[in-house]
Protein backbone atom coordinates (compact mmCIF):
# COMPACT_ATOMS: atom_id res chain seq x y z
CA MET A 1 86.60 35.98 -227.98
CA SER A 2 88.77 33.18 -226.54
CA ARG A 3 88.13 29.75 -227.70
CA TYR A 4 87.92 27.00 -225.23
CA SER A 5 86.80 23.40 -224.67
CA ILE A 6 85.04 21.82 -221.73
CA LYS A 7 85.65 18.24 -220.56
CA TYR A 8 83.23 16.68 -217.94
CA MET A 9 84.95 14.40 -215.48
CA HIS A 10 81.87 12.28 -215.15
CA PRO A 11 78.20 12.44 -216.19
CA ILE A 12 75.68 14.53 -214.22
CA GLN A 13 73.56 12.24 -212.31
CA ASP A 14 70.98 14.54 -210.56
CA GLN A 15 70.41 18.09 -211.73
CA HIS A 16 69.08 19.07 -208.36
CA ASP A 17 71.60 17.43 -205.92
CA ASP A 18 74.92 16.71 -207.56
CA ASN A 19 78.41 18.16 -208.19
CA ILE A 20 80.83 17.75 -211.05
CA ASP A 21 84.41 18.74 -211.74
CA VAL A 22 85.10 20.06 -215.28
CA GLU A 23 88.26 20.88 -217.09
CA VAL A 24 88.26 24.13 -219.17
CA ALA A 25 91.08 24.21 -221.76
CA LEU A 26 91.79 27.65 -223.35
CA GLU A 27 93.39 27.80 -226.77
CA THR A 28 96.39 29.41 -224.98
CA GLY A 29 97.15 25.96 -223.40
CA GLU A 30 95.99 27.09 -219.77
CA ARG A 31 93.60 24.68 -218.15
CA PHE A 32 91.17 25.43 -215.25
CA PHE A 33 89.29 22.99 -213.02
CA PRO A 34 86.20 24.51 -211.60
CA SER A 35 83.75 22.30 -209.50
CA PHE A 36 80.01 22.93 -209.82
CA PHE A 37 77.78 22.16 -206.85
CA THR A 38 73.95 22.51 -206.55
CA LEU A 39 72.59 24.29 -203.57
CA ALA A 40 70.90 21.06 -202.40
CA ASN A 41 74.14 19.13 -202.81
CA VAL A 42 76.02 21.65 -200.68
CA THR A 43 73.31 21.42 -198.05
CA ARG A 44 73.38 17.65 -197.94
CA LEU A 45 77.07 17.41 -197.85
CA ILE A 46 77.22 19.91 -194.93
CA ARG A 47 74.66 17.79 -193.03
CA GLU A 48 76.55 14.62 -193.73
CA SER A 49 79.90 16.11 -192.57
CA ALA A 50 78.74 16.87 -189.15
CA PRO A 51 79.65 13.85 -187.13
CA ASN A 52 81.46 16.06 -184.63
CA GLY A 53 78.71 18.42 -184.46
CA VAL A 54 80.12 21.00 -186.79
CA GLY A 55 78.81 20.80 -190.39
CA TYR A 56 80.93 22.46 -193.10
CA LEU A 57 81.96 22.06 -196.75
CA TRP A 58 85.27 23.01 -198.06
CA ALA A 59 86.11 22.88 -201.82
CA ALA A 60 88.61 24.69 -203.99
CA GLN A 61 87.37 26.17 -207.20
CA MET A 62 83.66 25.83 -206.13
CA ILE A 63 80.78 27.31 -208.22
CA VAL A 64 77.30 26.96 -206.62
CA VAL A 65 74.41 26.79 -209.07
CA GLU A 66 70.57 26.20 -208.36
CA GLN A 67 70.44 23.47 -210.96
CA LEU A 68 73.20 21.33 -212.59
CA SER A 69 72.96 20.72 -216.35
CA GLN A 70 75.36 20.83 -219.33
CA ASP A 71 73.67 23.96 -220.43
CA VAL A 72 74.09 25.69 -217.05
CA VAL A 73 77.83 24.70 -216.91
CA GLU A 74 78.45 25.88 -220.48
CA ARG A 75 76.73 29.24 -219.89
CA CYS A 76 78.77 29.76 -216.65
CA ILE A 77 81.99 28.86 -218.30
CA GLU A 78 81.22 31.10 -221.25
CA ASP A 79 80.54 34.07 -218.85
CA LEU A 80 83.73 33.32 -216.80
CA VAL A 81 85.89 33.16 -220.04
CA GLN A 82 84.23 36.26 -221.53
CA THR A 83 84.81 38.37 -218.27
CA GLY A 84 88.28 36.94 -217.73
CA GLU A 85 87.18 35.57 -214.34
CA ILE A 86 88.12 32.08 -215.32
CA ARG A 87 91.65 33.18 -214.38
CA TYR A 88 90.67 33.46 -210.78
CA PHE A 89 90.67 29.62 -210.73
CA ALA A 90 94.07 27.71 -210.39
CA ALA A 91 95.56 27.51 -213.83
CA PHE A 92 97.64 24.53 -215.19
CA ASP A 93 99.61 25.11 -218.37
CA THR A 94 100.04 22.38 -220.87
């Protein structure tokens, strides 16, 4: 099992309508930066981005979850690390 740490870029404000960037640092020195969005947050951001009549949301490294909490983030990261899928995200070596 790979060991890793998770750093939250800011506190989670609303578990139902929020997004957060996190840093995942593996013991190998690789760092990954997924962004977690709730479904409600994606919907709201799409609606707010439609001044020209076309609502869309673009985000690199996006993970969409129903509810945003530290537990949800940690369980998702654990799964991504265990399956190796964390490496689909852009990596930065230290």
